[in-house]
Amino acid sequence: MDPLRHPDLERLGRTLRDQLDDTLEAEQTAARAAARRRRSLRDRLLEAEDRAEQIVVSTSDGHVYRGLVDAVGADHVVLLDGPTERFVATHHIVAMEAR
């Protein structure tokens, strides 16, 4: 009998693989959660720019702006709404919705 084909070893190997898969999944979930907690508004705006997302932002003065994220600067975002290019200061943004 091949010692590597012993039924107990096969069962143990499956159990260890399952435990490793569970551990890796838990670590990846924890890493994603930690990254989300550290992500800033600017980080999210950069993601929206990379994905060519339409966003809606509400500002502290009550205005609502929507458009495609064209560029993200150190302290502003540029939204394209058709031919209109709108610069919005990020420190005025109080809410953002990505579509």
PDB file of N, CA and C in Angstrom:
ATOM      1  N   MET A   1       0.842  -1.188   0.000  1.00  0.00           N
ATOM      2  CA  MET A   1       0.000   0.000   0.000  1.00  0.00           C
ATOM      3  C   MET A   1       0.880   1.241   0.000  1.00  0.00           C
ATOM      4  N   ASP A   2       0.540   2.168  -0.841  1.00  0.00           N
ATOM      5  CA  ASP A   2       1.262   3.435  -0.929  1.00  0.00           C
ATOM      6  C   ASP A   2       0.961   4.256   0.325  1.00  0.00           C
ATOM      7  N   PRO A   3       1.994   4.630   1.096  1.00  0.00           N
ATOM      8  CA  PRO A   3       1.749   5.358   2.345  1.00  0.00           C
ATOM      9  C   PRO A   3       1.115   6.735   2.109  1.00  0.00           C
ATOM     10  N   LEU A   4       1.322   7.319   0.938  1.00  0.00           N
ATOM     11  CA  LEU A   4       0.735   8.634   0.671  1.00  0.00           C
ATOM     12  C   LEU A   4      -0.737   8.544   0.294  1.00  0.00           C
ATOM     13  N   ARG A   5      -1.223   7.346   0.013  1.00  0.00           N
ATOM     14  CA  ARG A   5      -2.631   7.133  -0.341  1.00  0.00           C
ATOM     15  C   ARG A   5      -3.446   6.580   0.825  1.00  0.00           C
ATOM     16  N   HIS A   6      -2.888   6.626   1.997  1.00  0.00           N
ATOM     17  CA  HIS A   6      -3.592   6.111   3.168  1.00  0.00           C
ATOM     18  C   HIS A   6      -4.851   6.956   3.391  1.00  0.00           C
ATOM     19  N   PRO A   7      -5.985   6.338   3.658  1.00  0.00           N
ATOM     20  CA  PRO A   7      -7.247   7.078   3.829  1.00  0.00           C
ATOM     21  C   PRO A   7      -7.181   8.163   4.914  1.00  0.00           C
ATOM     22  N   ASP A   8      -6.471   7.873   5.988  1.00  0.00           N
ATOM     23  CA  ASP A   8      -6.365   8.884   7.046  1.00  0.00           C
ATOM     24  C   ASP A   8      -5.605  10.117   6.569  1.00  0.00           C
ATOM     25  N   LEU A   9      -4.548   9.900   5.768  1.00  0.00           N
ATOM     26  CA  LEU A   9      -3.771  11.026   5.259  1.00  0.00           C
ATOM     27  C   LEU A   9      -4.578  11.833   4.242  1.00  0.00           C
ATOM     28  N   GLU A  10      -5.363  11.166   3.411  1.00  0.00           N
ATOM     29  CA  GLU A  10      -6.192  11.882   2.448  1.00  0.00           C
ATOM     30  C   GLU A  10      -7.216  12.757   3.166  1.00  0.00           C
ATOM     31  N   ARG A  11      -7.847  12.225   4.196  1.00  0.00           N
ATOM     32  CA  ARG A  11      -8.830  12.979   4.973  1.00  0.00           C
ATOM     33  C   ARG A  11      -8.146  14.151   5.690  1.00  0.00           C
ATOM     34  N   LEU A  12      -6.968  13.906   6.256  1.00  0.00           N
ATOM     35  CA  LEU A  12      -6.219  14.960   6.936  1.00  0.00           C
ATOM     36  C   LEU A  12      -5.811  16.055   5.944  1.00  0.00           C
ATOM     37  N   GLY A  13      -5.371  15.633   4.755  1.00  0.00           N
ATOM     38  CA  GLY A  13      -4.986  16.604   3.725  1.00  0.00           C
ATOM     39  C   GLY A  13      -6.152  17.477   3.315  1.00  0.00           C
ATOM     40  N   ARG A  14      -7.335  16.879   3.138  1.00  0.00           N
ATOM     41  CA  ARG A  14      -8.526  17.659   2.787  1.00  0.00           C
ATOM     42  C   ARG A  14      -8.872  18.650   3.894  1.00  0.00           C
ATOM     43  N   THR A  15      -8.805  18.189   5.126  1.00  0.00           N
ATOM     44  CA  THR A  15      -9.112  19.055   6.269  1.00  0.00           C
ATOM     45  C   THR A  15      -8.141  20.230   6.337  1.00  0.00           C
ATOM     46  N   LEU A  16      -6.860  19.945   6.149  1.00  0.00           N
ATOM     47  CA  LEU A  16      -5.864  21.018   6.195  1.00  0.00           C
ATOM     48  C   LEU A  16      -6.041  22.008   5.044  1.00  0.00           C
ATOM     49  N   ARG A  17      -6.354  21.501   3.840  1.00  0.00           N
ATOM     50  CA  ARG A  17      -6.611  22.394   2.701  1.00  0.00           C
ATOM     51  C   ARG A  17      -7.826  23.281   2.966  1.00  0.00           C
ATOM     52  N   ASP A  18      -8.883  22.705   3.521  1.00  0.00           N
ATOM     53  CA  ASP A  18     -10.088  23.478   3.843  1.00  0.00           C
ATOM     54  C   ASP A  18      -9.787  24.552   4.877  1.00  0.00           C
ATOM     55  N   GLN A  19      -8.998  24.191   5.899  1.00  0.00           N
ATOM     56  CA  GLN A  19      -8.635  25.168   6.923  1.00  0.00           C
ATOM     57  C   GLN A  19      -7.781  26.286   6.337  1.00  0.00           C
ATOM     58  N   LEU A  20      -6.868  25.923   5.445  1.00  0.00           N
ATOM     59  CA  LEU A  20      -6.035  26.933   4.802  1.00  0.00           C
ATOM     60  C   LEU A  20      -6.884  27.862   3.944  1.00  0.00           C
ATOM     61  N   ASP A  21      -7.816  27.291   3.184  1.00  0.00           N
ATOM     62  CA  ASP A  21      -8.716  28.116   2.359  1.00  0.00           C
ATOM     63  C   ASP A  21      -9.532  29.064   3.224  1.00  0.00           C
ATOM     64  N   ASP A  22     -10.057  28.567   4.342  1.00  0.00           N
ATOM     65  CA  ASP A  22     -10.838  29.417   5.253  1.00  0.00           C
ATOM     66  C   ASP A  22      -9.985  30.535   5.835  1.00  0.00           C
ATOM     67  N   THR A  23      -8.751  30.204   6.218  1.00  0.00           N
ATOM     68  CA  THR A  23      -7.845  31.193   6.781  1.00  0.00           C
ATOM     69  C   THR A  23      -7.499  32.267   5.758  1.00  0.00           C
ATOM     70  N   LEU A  24      -7.200  31.843   4.521  1.00  0.00           N
ATOM     71  CA  LEU A  24      -6.878  32.809   3.468  1.00  0.00           C
ATOM     72  C   LEU A  24      -8.060  33.719   3.169  1.00  0.00           C
ATOM     73  N   GLU A  25      -9.248  33.158   3.129  1.00  0.00           N
ATOM     74  CA  GLU A  25     -10.446  33.960   2.873  1.00  0.00           C
ATOM     75  C   GLU A  25     -10.668  34.977   3.986  1.00  0.00           C
ATOM     76  N   ALA A  26     -10.485  34.554   5.231  1.00  0.00           N
ATOM     77  CA  ALA A  26     -10.652  35.467   6.364  1.00  0.00           C
ATOM     78  C   ALA A  26      -9.607  36.584   6.329  1.00  0.00           C
ATOM     79  N   GLU A  27      -8.373  36.255   5.974  1.00  0.00           N
ATOM     80  CA  GLU A  27      -7.329  37.269   5.906  1.00  0.00           C
ATOM     81  C   GLU A  27      -7.598  38.265   4.774  1.00  0.00           C
ATOM     82  N   GLN A  28      -8.084  37.782   3.640  1.00  0.00           N
ATOM     83  CA  GLN A  28      -8.404  38.676   2.530  1.00  0.00           C
ATOM     84  C   GLN A  28      -9.579  39.589   2.888  1.00  0.00           C
ATOM     85  N   THR A  29     -10.574  39.059   3.561  1.00  0.00           N
ATOM     86  CA  THR A  29     -11.710  39.871   3.999  1.00  0.00           C
ATOM     87  C   THR A  29     -11.254  40.943   4.979  1.00  0.00           C
ATOM     88  N   ALA A  30     -10.392  40.575   5.910  1.00  0.00           N
ATOM     89  CA  ALA A  30      -9.881  41.544   6.881  1.00  0.00           C
ATOM     90  C   ALA A  30      -9.035  42.615   6.195  1.00  0.00           C
ATOM     91  N   ALA A  31      -8.232  42.238   5.207  1.00  0.00           N
ATOM     92  CA  ALA A  31      -7.407  43.207   4.480  1.00  0.00           C
ATOM     93  C   ALA A  31      -8.277  44.176   3.699  1.00  0.00           C
ATOM     94  N   ARG A  32      -9.339  43.667   3.057  1.00  0.00           N
ATOM     95  CA  ARG A  32     -10.250  44.550   2.326  1.00  0.00           C
ATOM     96  C   ARG A  32     -10.940  45.527   3.276  1.00  0.00           C
ATOM     97  N   ALA A  33     -11.371  45.041   4.428  1.00  0.00           N
ATOM     98  CA  ALA A  33     -12.041  45.909   5.409  1.00  0.00           C
ATOM     99  C   ALA A  33     -11.077  46.977   5.925  1.00  0.00           C
ATOM    100  N   ALA A  34      -9.840  46.596   6.199  1.00  0.00           N
ATOM    101  CA  ALA A  34      -8.854  47.564   6.678  1.00  0.00           C
ATOM    102  C   ALA A  34      -8.569  48.614   5.612  1.00  0.00           C
ATOM    103  N   ALA A  35      -8.492  48.194   4.356  1.00  0.00           N
ATOM    104  CA  ALA A  35      -8.248  49.149   3.272  1.00  0.00           C
ATOM    105  C   ALA A  35      -9.418  50.115   3.125  1.00  0.00           C
ATOM    106  N   ARG A  36     -10.645  49.617   3.265  1.00  0.00           N
ATOM    107  CA  ARG A  36     -11.814  50.501   3.185  1.00  0.00           C
ATOM    108  C   ARG A  36     -11.806  51.520   4.312  1.00  0.00           C
ATOM    109  N   ARG A  37     -11.378  51.118   5.507  1.00  0.00           N
ATOM    110  CA  ARG A  37     -11.359  52.048   6.644  1.00  0.00           C
ATOM    111  C   ARG A  37     -10.324  53.149   6.455  1.00  0.00           C
ATOM    112  N   ARG A  38      -9.240  52.850   5.760  1.00  0.00           N
ATOM    113  CA  ARG A  38      -8.179  53.844   5.558  1.00  0.00           C
ATOM    114  C   ARG A  38      -8.407  54.694   4.308  1.00  0.00           C
ATOM    115  N   ARG A  39      -9.372  54.336   3.476  1.00  0.00           N
ATOM    116  CA  ARG A  39      -9.596  55.017   2.202  1.00  0.00           C
ATOM    117  C   ARG A  39     -10.214  56.395   2.436  1.00  0.00           C
ATOM    118  N   SER A  40      -9.653  57.382   1.794  1.00  0.00           N
ATOM    119  CA  SER A  40     -10.159  58.754   1.919  1.00  0.00           C
ATOM    120  C   SER A  40     -11.112  59.064   0.770  1.00  0.00           C
ATOM    121  N   LEU A  41     -11.752  60.228   0.853  1.00  0.00           N
ATOM    122  CA  LEU A  41     -12.623  60.680  -0.226  1.00  0.00           C
ATOM    123  C   LEU A  41     -11.819  60.804  -1.519  1.00  0.00           C
ATOM    124  N   ARG A  42     -10.611  61.334  -1.423  1.00  0.00           N
ATOM    125  CA  ARG A  42      -9.768  61.474  -2.612  1.00  0.00           C
ATOM    126  C   ARG A  42      -9.467  60.114  -3.225  1.00  0.00           C
ATOM    127  N   ASP A  43      -9.185  59.123  -2.396  1.00  0.00           N
ATOM    128  CA  ASP A  43      -8.946  57.760  -2.901  1.00  0.00           C
ATOM    129  C   ASP A  43     -10.159  57.259  -3.671  1.00  0.00           C
ATOM    130  N   ARG A  44     -11.343  57.494  -3.126  1.00  0.00           N
ATOM    131  CA  ARG A  44     -12.568  57.038  -3.796  1.00  0.00           C
ATOM    132  C   ARG A  44     -12.801  57.800  -5.093  1.00  0.00           C
ATOM    133  N   LEU A  45     -12.487  59.081  -5.100  1.00  0.00           N
ATOM    134  CA  LEU A  45     -12.604  59.867  -6.325  1.00  0.00           C
ATOM    135  C   LEU A  45     -11.631  59.367  -7.397  1.00  0.00           C
ATOM    136  N   LEU A  46     -10.421  59.013  -6.982  1.00  0.00           N
ATOM    137  CA  LEU A  46      -9.454  58.456  -7.934  1.00  0.00           C
ATOM    138  C   LEU A  46      -9.958  57.138  -8.527  1.00  0.00           C
ATOM    139  N   GLU A  47     -10.581  56.314  -7.694  1.00  0.00           N
ATOM    140  CA  GLU A  47     -11.180  55.069  -8.202  1.00  0.00           C
ATOM    141  C   GLU A  47     -12.270  55.385  -9.221  1.00  0.00           C
ATOM    142  N   ALA A  48     -13.104  56.381  -8.907  1.00  0.00           N
ATOM    143  CA  ALA A  48     -14.175  56.763  -9.819  1.00  0.00           C
ATOM    144  C   ALA A  48     -13.600  57.270 -11.142  1.00  0.00           C
ATOM    145  N   GLU A  49     -12.490  57.983 -11.082  1.00  0.00           N
ATOM    146  CA  GLU A  49     -11.834  58.447 -12.310  1.00  0.00           C
ATOM    147  C   GLU A  49     -11.325  57.262 -13.124  1.00  0.00           C
ATOM    148  N   ASP A  50     -10.677  56.322 -12.465  1.00  0.00           N
ATOM    149  CA  ASP A  50     -10.149  55.136 -13.155  1.00  0.00           C
ATOM    150  C   ASP A  50     -11.263  54.319 -13.798  1.00  0.00           C
ATOM    151  N   ARG A  51     -12.402  54.253 -13.145  1.00  0.00           N
ATOM    152  CA  ARG A  51     -13.534  53.458 -13.642  1.00  0.00           C
ATOM    153  C   ARG A  51     -14.448  54.242 -14.581  1.00  0.00           C
ATOM    154  N   ALA A  52     -14.144  55.520 -14.782  1.00  0.00           N
ATOM    155  CA  ALA A  52     -14.982  56.404 -15.608  1.00  0.00           C
ATOM    156  C   ALA A  52     -16.425  56.377 -15.103  1.00  0.00           C
ATOM    157  N   GLU A  53     -16.575  56.574 -13.783  1.00  0.00           N
ATOM    158  CA  GLU A  53     -17.896  56.551 -13.153  1.00  0.00           C
ATOM    159  C   GLU A  53     -18.552  57.923 -13.167  1.00  0.00           C
ATOM    160  N   GLN A  54     -19.868  57.895 -13.272  1.00  0.00           N
ATOM    161  CA  GLN A  54     -20.665  59.090 -13.047  1.00  0.00           C
ATOM    162  C   GLN A  54     -20.853  59.204 -11.536  1.00  0.00           C
ATOM    163  N   ILE A  55     -20.665  60.392 -10.991  1.00  0.00           N
ATOM    164  CA  ILE A  55     -20.887  60.583  -9.561  1.00  0.00           C
ATOM    165  C   ILE A  55     -21.825  61.764  -9.340  1.00  0.00           C
ATOM    166  N   VAL A  56     -22.393  61.767  -8.165  1.00  0.00           N
ATOM    167  CA  VAL A  56     -23.212  62.888  -7.696  1.00  0.00           C
ATOM    168  C   VAL A  56     -22.608  63.314  -6.368  1.00  0.00           C
ATOM    169  N   VAL A  57     -22.260  64.595  -6.255  1.00  0.00           N
ATOM    170  CA  VAL A  57     -21.709  65.095  -4.993  1.00  0.00           C
ATOM    171  C   VAL A  57     -22.601  66.197  -4.454  1.00  0.00           C
ATOM    172  N   SER A  58     -22.769  66.200  -3.153  1.00  0.00           N
ATOM    173  CA  SER A  58     -23.468  67.279  -2.456  1.00  0.00           C
ATOM    174  C   SER A  58     -22.403  68.092  -1.739  1.00  0.00           C
ATOM    175  N   THR A  59     -22.541  69.396  -1.783  1.00  0.00           N
ATOM    176  CA  THR A  59     -21.542  70.258  -1.159  1.00  0.00           C
ATOM    177  C   THR A  59     -22.118  70.949   0.077  1.00  0.00           C
ATOM    178  N   SER A  60     -21.248  71.536   0.862  1.00  0.00           N
ATOM    179  CA  SER A  60     -21.650  72.158   2.121  1.00  0.00           C
ATOM    180  C   SER A  60     -22.593  73.343   1.917  1.00  0.00           C
ATOM    181  N   ASP A  61     -22.613  73.945   0.741  1.00  0.00           N
ATOM    182  CA  ASP A  61     -23.527  75.069   0.486  1.00  0.00           C
ATOM    183  C   ASP A  61     -24.878  74.603  -0.063  1.00  0.00           C
ATOM    184  N   GLY A  62     -25.097  73.284  -0.109  1.00  0.00           N
ATOM    185  CA  GLY A  62     -26.381  72.744  -0.518  1.00  0.00           C
ATOM    186  C   GLY A  62     -26.511  72.418  -1.998  1.00  0.00           C
ATOM    187  N   HIS A  63     -25.512  72.729  -2.797  1.00  0.00           N
ATOM    188  CA  HIS A  63     -25.564  72.415  -4.222  1.00  0.00           C
ATOM    189  C   HIS A  63     -25.298  70.924  -4.458  1.00  0.00           C
ATOM    190  N   VAL A  64     -25.870  70.430  -5.549  1.00  0.00           N
ATOM    191  CA  VAL A  64     -25.648  69.047  -5.965  1.00  0.00           C
ATOM    192  C   VAL A  64     -25.077  69.093  -7.378  1.00  0.00           C
ATOM    193  N   TYR A  65     -23.949  68.417  -7.557  1.00  0.00           N
ATOM    194  CA  TYR A  65     -23.296  68.374  -8.866  1.00  0.00           C
ATOM    195  C   TYR A  65     -23.179  66.932  -9.304  1.00  0.00           C
ATOM    196  N   ARG A  66     -23.353  66.703 -10.586  1.00  0.00           N
ATOM    197  CA  ARG A  66     -23.206  65.352 -11.115  1.00  0.00           C
ATOM    198  C   ARG A  66     -22.368  65.410 -12.375  1.00  0.00           C
ATOM    199  N   GLY A  67     -21.689  64.317 -12.644  1.00  0.00           N
ATOM    200  CA  GLY A  67     -20.906  64.252 -13.866  1.00  0.00           C
ATOM    201  C   GLY A  67     -19.898  63.122 -13.820  1.00  0.00           C
ATOM    202  N   LEU A  68     -19.202  62.984 -14.910  1.00  0.00           N
ATOM    203  CA  LEU A  68     -18.143  61.984 -15.053  1.00  0.00           C
ATOM    204  C   LEU A  68     -16.877  62.550 -14.427  1.00  0.00           C
ATOM    205  N   VAL A  69     -16.195  61.754 -13.623  1.00  0.00           N
ATOM    206  CA  VAL A  69     -14.959  62.221 -13.002  1.00  0.00           C
ATOM    207  C   VAL A  69     -13.881  62.285 -14.083  1.00  0.00           C
ATOM    208  N   ASP A  70     -13.453  63.509 -14.403  1.00  0.00           N
ATOM    209  CA  ASP A  70     -12.458  63.715 -15.453  1.00  0.00           C
ATOM    210  C   ASP A  70     -11.049  63.781 -14.890  1.00  0.00           C
ATOM    211  N   ALA A  71     -10.914  64.379 -13.708  1.00  0.00           N
ATOM    212  CA  ALA A  71      -9.592  64.513 -13.089  1.00  0.00           C
ATOM    213  C   ALA A  71      -9.764  64.718 -11.591  1.00  0.00           C
ATOM    214  N   VAL A  72      -8.732  64.317 -10.857  1.00  0.00           N
ATOM    215  CA  VAL A  72      -8.723  64.510  -9.403  1.00  0.00           C
ATOM    216  C   VAL A  72      -7.410  65.169  -9.042  1.00  0.00           C
ATOM    217  N   GLY A  73      -7.504  66.340  -8.433  1.00  0.00           N
ATOM    218  CA  GLY A  73      -6.314  67.041  -7.982  1.00  0.00           C
ATOM    219  C   GLY A  73      -6.094  66.820  -6.500  1.00  0.00           C
ATOM    220  N   ALA A  74      -5.145  67.518  -5.950  1.00  0.00           N
ATOM    221  CA  ALA A  74      -4.844  67.391  -4.521  1.00  0.00           C
ATOM    222  C   ALA A  74      -5.999  67.865  -3.658  1.00  0.00           C
ATOM    223  N   ASP A  75      -6.743  68.877  -4.147  1.00  0.00           N
ATOM    224  CA  ASP A  75      -7.820  69.444  -3.337  1.00  0.00           C
ATOM    225  C   ASP A  75      -9.116  69.674  -4.109  1.00  0.00           C
ATOM    226  N   HIS A  76      -9.239  69.076  -5.288  1.00  0.00           N
ATOM    227  CA  HIS A  76     -10.444  69.288  -6.092  1.00  0.00           C
ATOM    228  C   HIS A  76     -10.694  68.088  -7.008  1.00  0.00           C
ATOM    229  N   VAL A  77     -11.901  68.060  -7.547  1.00  0.00           N
ATOM    230  CA  VAL A  77     -12.279  67.064  -8.542  1.00  0.00           C
ATOM    231  C   VAL A  77     -12.891  67.821  -9.716  1.00  0.00           C
ATOM    232  N   VAL A  78     -12.628  67.332 -10.912  1.00  0.00           N
ATOM    233  CA  VAL A  78     -13.194  67.936 -12.112  1.00  0.00           C
ATOM    234  C   VAL A  78     -14.270  66.994 -12.633  1.00  0.00           C
ATOM    235  N   LEU A  79     -15.500  67.519 -12.717  1.00  0.00           N
ATOM    236  CA  LEU A  79     -16.630  66.739 -13.212  1.00  0.00           C
ATOM    237  C   LEU A  79     -17.031  67.239 -14.588  1.00  0.00           C
ATOM    238  N   LEU A  80     -17.255  66.310 -15.497  1.00  0.00           N
ATOM    239  CA  LEU A  80     -17.748  66.655 -16.829  1.00  0.00           C
ATOM    240  C   LEU A  80     -19.222  66.328 -16.897  1.00  0.00           C
ATOM    241  N   ASP A  81     -20.012  67.335 -17.219  1.00  0.00           N
ATOM    242  CA  ASP A  81     -21.449  67.152 -17.417  1.00  0.00           C
ATOM    243  C   ASP A  81     -21.745  67.648 -18.820  1.00  0.00           C
ATOM    244  N   GLY A  82     -21.637  66.744 -19.791  1.00  0.00           N
ATOM    245  CA  GLY A  82     -21.739  67.156 -21.190  1.00  0.00           C
ATOM    246  C   GLY A  82     -20.533  68.004 -21.525  1.00  0.00           C
ATOM    247  N   PRO A  83     -20.745  69.196 -22.087  1.00  0.00           N
ATOM    248  CA  PRO A  83     -19.616  70.070 -22.423  1.00  0.00           C
ATOM    249  C   PRO A  83     -19.126  70.904 -21.229  1.00  0.00           C
ATOM    250  N   THR A  84     -19.862  70.837 -20.131  1.00  0.00           N
ATOM    251  CA  THR A  84     -19.528  71.649 -18.951  1.00  0.00           C
ATOM    252  C   THR A  84     -18.478  70.947 -18.101  1.00  0.00           C
ATOM    253  N   GLU A  85     -17.434  71.695 -17.772  1.00  0.00           N
ATOM    254  CA  GLU A  85     -16.365  71.198 -16.908  1.00  0.00           C
ATOM    255  C   GLU A  85     -16.495  71.930 -15.579  1.00  0.00           C
ATOM    256  N   ARG A  86     -16.715  71.194 -14.496  1.00  0.00           N
ATOM    257  CA  ARG A  86     -16.947  71.821 -13.201  1.00  0.00           C
ATOM    258  C   ARG A  86     -15.867  71.383 -12.216  1.00  0.00           C
ATOM    259  N   PHE A  87     -15.225  72.356 -11.579  1.00  0.00           N
ATOM    260  CA  PHE A  87     -14.221  72.086 -10.554  1.00  0.00           C
ATOM    261  C   PHE A  87     -14.904  72.194  -9.195  1.00  0.00           C
ATOM    262  N   VAL A  88     -14.795  71.169  -8.389  1.00  0.00           N
ATOM    263  CA  VAL A  88     -15.409  71.169  -7.057  1.00  0.00           C
ATOM    264  C   VAL A  88     -14.314  70.912  -6.034  1.00  0.00           C
ATOM    265  N   ALA A  89     -14.206  71.795  -5.059  1.00  0.00           N
ATOM    266  CA  ALA A  89     -13.217  71.627  -3.991  1.00  0.00           C
ATOM    267  C   ALA A  89     -13.629  70.453  -3.106  1.00  0.00           C
ATOM    268  N   THR A  90     -12.710  69.547  -2.863  1.00  0.00           N
ATOM    269  CA  THR A  90     -13.057  68.341  -2.092  1.00  0.00           C
ATOM    270  C   THR A  90     -13.410  68.668  -0.650  1.00  0.00           C
ATOM    271  N   HIS A  91     -12.878  69.763  -0.102  1.00  0.00           N
ATOM    272  CA  HIS A  91     -13.205  70.084   1.300  1.00  0.00           C
ATOM    273  C   HIS A  91     -14.634  70.608   1.435  1.00  0.00           C
ATOM    274  N   HIS A  92     -15.322  70.874   0.316  1.00  0.00           N
ATOM    275  CA  HIS A  92     -16.736  71.281   0.346  1.00  0.00           C
ATOM    276  C   HIS A  92     -17.687  70.111   0.143  1.00  0.00           C
ATOM    277  N   ILE A  93     -17.156  68.951  -0.236  1.00  0.00           N
ATOM    278  CA  ILE A  93     -18.011  67.796  -0.489  1.00  0.00           C
ATOM    279  C   ILE A  93     -18.434  67.171   0.834  1.00  0.00           C
ATOM    280  N   VAL A  94     -19.755  67.010   1.010  1.00  0.00           N
ATOM    281  CA  VAL A  94     -20.264  66.395   2.242  1.00  0.00           C
ATOM    282  C   VAL A  94     -20.846  65.006   1.980  1.00  0.00           C
ATOM    283  N   ALA A  95     -21.165  64.707   0.714  1.00  0.00           N
ATOM    284  CA  ALA A  95     -21.689  63.382   0.359  1.00  0.00           C
ATOM    285  C   ALA A  95     -21.364  63.097  -1.086  1.00  0.00           C
ATOM    286  N   MET A  96     -21.183  61.812  -1.385  1.00  0.00           N
ATOM    287  CA  MET A  96     -20.876  61.412  -2.749  1.00  0.00           C
ATOM    288  C   MET A  96     -21.593  60.098  -3.058  1.00  0.00           C
ATOM    289  N   GLU A  97     -22.123  60.027  -4.266  1.00  0.00           N
ATOM    290  CA  GLU A  97     -22.767  58.793  -4.715  1.00  0.00           C
ATOM    291  C   GLU A  97     -22.183  58.445  -6.072  1.00  0.00           C
ATOM    292  N   ALA A  98     -21.722  57.221  -6.226  1.00  0.00           N
ATOM    293  CA  ALA A  98     -21.159  56.770  -7.507  1.00  0.00           C
ATOM    294  C   ALA A  98     -22.177  55.873  -8.191  1.00  0.00           C
ATOM    295  N   ARG A  99     -22.303  56.036  -9.498  1.00  0.00           N
ATOM    296  CA  ARG A  99     -23.278  55.244 -10.262  1.00  0.00           C
ATOM    297  C   ARG A  99     -22.583  54.462 -11.344  1.00  0.00           C
TER     298      ARG A  99
END
